[in-house]
Every structure is written in structure tokens, then in C-alpha cells.
Amino acid sequence: MKELVKCMAEALVDDPAQVEVTEIAGRDTSVIELKVAKEDMGKIIGKKGRNAQAMRTLLNAASAKLRKRVVLEIIDQ
């Protein structure tokens, strides 16, 4: 899941070197934290939050196979 988020985020931003993804794994739920450069925050969120929602939808679909819940947190730096 961590690699999926990193791949999607790097494709959206201008500065892929600033993308940081950390995963906090639990028994039933994992939290994935995404940090990007301040200038790229708007590109990750998208208009009306559409990019962020699309990333969350893809994560939920991918995590359904693992029978685990995944939460994407976009961290403001």
C-alpha cells in the first residue's frame, strides 16, 4: 500500500524527491501518512478534493483484497 501511495503522489507533484510516505500498521487498520512539499499540496488534494478522494478510493479497493482497512492521511508540513 505504501508503494502505491508513493507512486500516485510522485506522478502528481512537481518535486517527487519531497514525497514522504510512512505506514503505521495495526492489526485490522493501517494508517498511511503522506507528506509533500508545501507548493505541491494543492496538486495532491485537487479541485474540491477530487485527487485525494480518488487516491483513497484506490487504496480501499486495493486493501479489500488484504481484508484490511487503510486510511490515508495527508500531512501539512
N, C-alpha and C. Protein backbone atom coordinates (compact mmCIF):
# COMPACT_ATOMS: atom_id res chain seq x y z
N MET A 1 0.81 -1.19 0.00
CA MET A 1 0.00 0.00 0.00
C MET A 1 0.87 1.27 0.00
N LYS A 2 1.94 1.21 0.76
CA LYS A 2 2.84 2.35 0.86
C LYS A 2 3.41 2.71 -0.51
N GLU A 3 3.81 1.70 -1.28
CA GLU A 3 4.39 1.95 -2.60
C GLU A 3 3.34 2.49 -3.57
N LEU A 4 2.10 2.05 -3.43
CA LEU A 4 1.02 2.55 -4.29
C LEU A 4 0.80 4.03 -4.07
N VAL A 5 0.76 4.45 -2.82
CA VAL A 5 0.56 5.87 -2.50
C VAL A 5 1.74 6.69 -3.00
N LYS A 6 2.95 6.18 -2.80
CA LYS A 6 4.14 6.90 -3.23
C LYS A 6 4.15 7.08 -4.75
N CYS A 7 3.79 6.04 -5.47
CA CYS A 7 3.75 6.10 -6.93
C CYS A 7 2.73 7.13 -7.42
N MET A 8 1.54 7.12 -6.83
CA MET A 8 0.50 8.07 -7.22
C MET A 8 0.92 9.50 -6.90
N ALA A 9 1.48 9.72 -5.73
CA ALA A 9 1.87 11.07 -5.31
C ALA A 9 3.00 11.61 -6.17
N GLU A 10 3.99 10.78 -6.48
CA GLU A 10 5.11 11.24 -7.29
C GLU A 10 4.66 11.61 -8.70
N ALA A 11 3.62 10.96 -9.20
CA ALA A 11 3.12 11.29 -10.53
C ALA A 11 2.39 12.63 -10.55
N LEU A 12 1.87 13.06 -9.41
CA LEU A 12 1.08 14.29 -9.37
C LEU A 12 1.90 15.55 -9.08
N VAL A 13 2.98 15.44 -8.34
CA VAL A 13 3.69 16.62 -7.84
C VAL A 13 4.80 17.07 -8.79
N ASP A 14 5.26 18.31 -8.57
CA ASP A 14 6.38 18.85 -9.35
C ASP A 14 7.72 18.39 -8.81
N ASP A 15 7.81 18.16 -7.51
CA ASP A 15 9.06 17.78 -6.86
C ASP A 15 8.91 16.40 -6.20
N PRO A 16 9.10 15.31 -6.98
CA PRO A 16 8.90 13.96 -6.41
C PRO A 16 9.89 13.60 -5.32
N ALA A 17 11.02 14.29 -5.23
CA ALA A 17 12.01 13.97 -4.21
C ALA A 17 11.50 14.34 -2.81
N GLN A 18 10.52 15.24 -2.72
CA GLN A 18 10.00 15.69 -1.43
C GLN A 18 8.85 14.81 -0.91
N VAL A 19 8.46 13.80 -1.66
CA VAL A 19 7.36 12.94 -1.25
C VAL A 19 7.85 11.96 -0.19
N GLU A 20 7.17 11.95 0.96
CA GLU A 20 7.48 11.03 2.05
C GLU A 20 6.22 10.26 2.42
N VAL A 21 6.34 8.94 2.48
CA VAL A 21 5.20 8.11 2.84
C VAL A 21 5.62 7.21 3.99
N THR A 22 4.84 7.24 5.06
CA THR A 22 5.08 6.35 6.19
C THR A 22 3.81 5.56 6.47
N GLU A 23 4.00 4.33 6.92
CA GLU A 23 2.86 3.47 7.20
C GLU A 23 2.88 3.06 8.67
N ILE A 24 1.77 3.23 9.32
CA ILE A 24 1.60 2.79 10.71
C ILE A 24 0.63 1.62 10.66
N ALA A 25 1.17 0.44 10.84
CA ALA A 25 0.37 -0.77 10.67
C ALA A 25 -0.24 -1.20 12.00
N GLY A 26 -1.49 -1.53 11.93
CA GLY A 26 -2.20 -2.09 13.07
C GLY A 26 -2.68 -3.48 12.71
N ARG A 27 -3.47 -4.06 13.57
CA ARG A 27 -3.96 -5.41 13.32
C ARG A 27 -4.98 -5.42 12.19
N ASP A 28 -5.98 -4.55 12.29
CA ASP A 28 -7.04 -4.50 11.29
C ASP A 28 -6.97 -3.27 10.40
N THR A 29 -6.27 -2.25 10.85
CA THR A 29 -6.23 -0.98 10.14
C THR A 29 -4.80 -0.49 10.00
N SER A 30 -4.51 0.07 8.84
CA SER A 30 -3.22 0.72 8.62
C SER A 30 -3.47 2.19 8.30
N VAL A 31 -2.60 3.04 8.81
CA VAL A 31 -2.67 4.46 8.52
C VAL A 31 -1.46 4.81 7.68
N ILE A 32 -1.71 5.41 6.52
CA ILE A 32 -0.62 5.82 5.64
C ILE A 32 -0.58 7.34 5.67
N GLU A 33 0.58 7.88 6.04
CA GLU A 33 0.77 9.32 6.11
C GLU A 33 1.56 9.78 4.91
N LEU A 34 1.05 10.78 4.22
CA LEU A 34 1.68 11.32 3.01
C LEU A 34 2.10 12.75 3.28
N LYS A 35 3.37 13.04 3.05
CA LYS A 35 3.90 14.39 3.20
C LYS A 35 4.49 14.80 1.86
N VAL A 36 4.13 16.01 1.41
CA VAL A 36 4.69 16.56 0.18
C VAL A 36 5.13 17.99 0.45
N ALA A 37 5.82 18.59 -0.52
CA ALA A 37 6.23 19.98 -0.38
C ALA A 37 5.00 20.87 -0.30
N LYS A 38 5.13 21.98 0.39
CA LYS A 38 4.01 22.89 0.60
C LYS A 38 3.42 23.37 -0.73
N GLU A 39 4.27 23.57 -1.73
CA GLU A 39 3.81 24.05 -3.04
C GLU A 39 2.98 23.00 -3.77
N ASP A 40 3.20 21.73 -3.46
CA ASP A 40 2.51 20.64 -4.15
C ASP A 40 1.26 20.16 -3.43
N MET A 41 0.94 20.76 -2.30
CA MET A 41 -0.22 20.31 -1.53
C MET A 41 -1.51 20.42 -2.33
N GLY A 42 -1.66 21.49 -3.08
CA GLY A 42 -2.87 21.68 -3.89
C GLY A 42 -3.02 20.65 -4.97
N LYS A 43 -1.91 20.20 -5.52
CA LYS A 43 -1.96 19.17 -6.57
C LYS A 43 -2.37 17.82 -6.01
N ILE A 44 -1.95 17.53 -4.79
CA ILE A 44 -2.33 16.26 -4.16
C ILE A 44 -3.81 16.27 -3.80
N ILE A 45 -4.29 17.39 -3.27
CA ILE A 45 -5.69 17.47 -2.87
C ILE A 45 -6.60 17.60 -4.08
N GLY A 46 -6.23 18.42 -5.04
CA GLY A 46 -7.02 18.59 -6.26
C GLY A 46 -8.22 19.50 -6.04
N LYS A 47 -8.91 19.80 -7.13
CA LYS A 47 -10.10 20.65 -7.04
C LYS A 47 -11.19 19.91 -6.29
N LYS A 48 -11.72 20.59 -5.28
CA LYS A 48 -12.77 20.03 -4.42
C LYS A 48 -12.38 18.69 -3.81
N GLY A 49 -11.08 18.44 -3.66
CA GLY A 49 -10.60 17.22 -3.01
C GLY A 49 -10.71 15.97 -3.88
N ARG A 50 -10.82 16.15 -5.18
CA ARG A 50 -11.04 15.00 -6.05
C ARG A 50 -9.83 14.08 -6.15
N ASN A 51 -8.61 14.64 -6.22
CA ASN A 51 -7.42 13.79 -6.28
C ASN A 51 -7.25 12.98 -5.01
N ALA A 52 -7.43 13.63 -3.87
CA ALA A 52 -7.30 12.94 -2.59
C ALA A 52 -8.36 11.84 -2.47
N GLN A 53 -9.57 12.14 -2.88
CA GLN A 53 -10.64 11.15 -2.79
C GLN A 53 -10.37 9.98 -3.74
N ALA A 54 -9.83 10.26 -4.91
CA ALA A 54 -9.51 9.18 -5.86
C ALA A 54 -8.41 8.29 -5.30
N MET A 55 -7.42 8.88 -4.65
CA MET A 55 -6.34 8.09 -4.04
C MET A 55 -6.91 7.21 -2.93
N ARG A 56 -7.82 7.74 -2.13
CA ARG A 56 -8.43 6.96 -1.06
C ARG A 56 -9.28 5.82 -1.61
N THR A 57 -9.98 6.07 -2.71
CA THR A 57 -10.80 5.03 -3.33
C THR A 57 -9.93 3.89 -3.85
N LEU A 58 -8.82 4.23 -4.50
CA LEU A 58 -7.91 3.19 -4.99
C LEU A 58 -7.30 2.40 -3.84
N LEU A 59 -6.96 3.07 -2.76
CA LEU A 59 -6.42 2.39 -1.59
C LEU A 59 -7.44 1.42 -0.98
N ASN A 60 -8.67 1.87 -0.88
CA ASN A 60 -9.71 1.00 -0.33
C ASN A 60 -9.94 -0.23 -1.20
N ALA A 61 -9.88 -0.05 -2.51
CA ALA A 61 -10.07 -1.18 -3.42
C ALA A 61 -8.90 -2.16 -3.30
N ALA A 62 -7.69 -1.63 -3.20
CA ALA A 62 -6.51 -2.50 -3.09
C ALA A 62 -6.46 -3.20 -1.74
N SER A 63 -6.90 -2.51 -0.70
CA SER A 63 -6.83 -3.10 0.64
C SER A 63 -7.95 -4.11 0.88
N ALA A 64 -8.98 -4.07 0.08
CA ALA A 64 -10.08 -5.03 0.24
C ALA A 64 -9.58 -6.46 0.01
N LYS A 65 -8.60 -6.63 -0.89
CA LYS A 65 -8.03 -7.95 -1.12
C LYS A 65 -7.31 -8.48 0.11
N LEU A 66 -6.71 -7.57 0.86
CA LEU A 66 -5.97 -7.96 2.06
C LEU A 66 -6.87 -8.06 3.28
N ARG A 67 -8.13 -7.72 3.10
CA ARG A 67 -9.11 -7.70 4.20
C ARG A 67 -8.63 -6.83 5.36
N LYS A 68 -8.15 -5.66 4.98
CA LYS A 68 -7.64 -4.70 5.94
C LYS A 68 -8.19 -3.33 5.57
N ARG A 69 -8.32 -2.46 6.54
CA ARG A 69 -8.77 -1.10 6.27
C ARG A 69 -7.55 -0.19 6.22
N VAL A 70 -7.50 0.66 5.21
CA VAL A 70 -6.38 1.58 5.06
C VAL A 70 -6.91 3.01 5.06
N VAL A 71 -6.29 3.87 5.87
CA VAL A 71 -6.66 5.27 5.97
C VAL A 71 -5.52 6.13 5.45
N LEU A 72 -5.81 7.04 4.54
CA LEU A 72 -4.79 7.93 4.00
C LEU A 72 -4.89 9.28 4.70
N GLU A 73 -3.80 9.68 5.32
CA GLU A 73 -3.72 10.99 5.97
C GLU A 73 -2.73 11.84 5.19
N ILE A 74 -3.17 13.00 4.76
CA ILE A 74 -2.28 13.94 4.07
C ILE A 74 -1.82 14.96 5.11
N ILE A 75 -0.52 14.94 5.40
CA ILE A 75 0.06 15.75 6.47
C ILE A 75 0.55 17.06 5.91
N ASP A 76 0.16 18.15 6.57
CA ASP A 76 0.60 19.50 6.18
C ASP A 76 1.94 19.78 6.87
N GLN A 77 2.91 20.20 6.09
CA GLN A 77 4.24 20.47 6.67
C GLN A 77 4.37 21.90 7.13
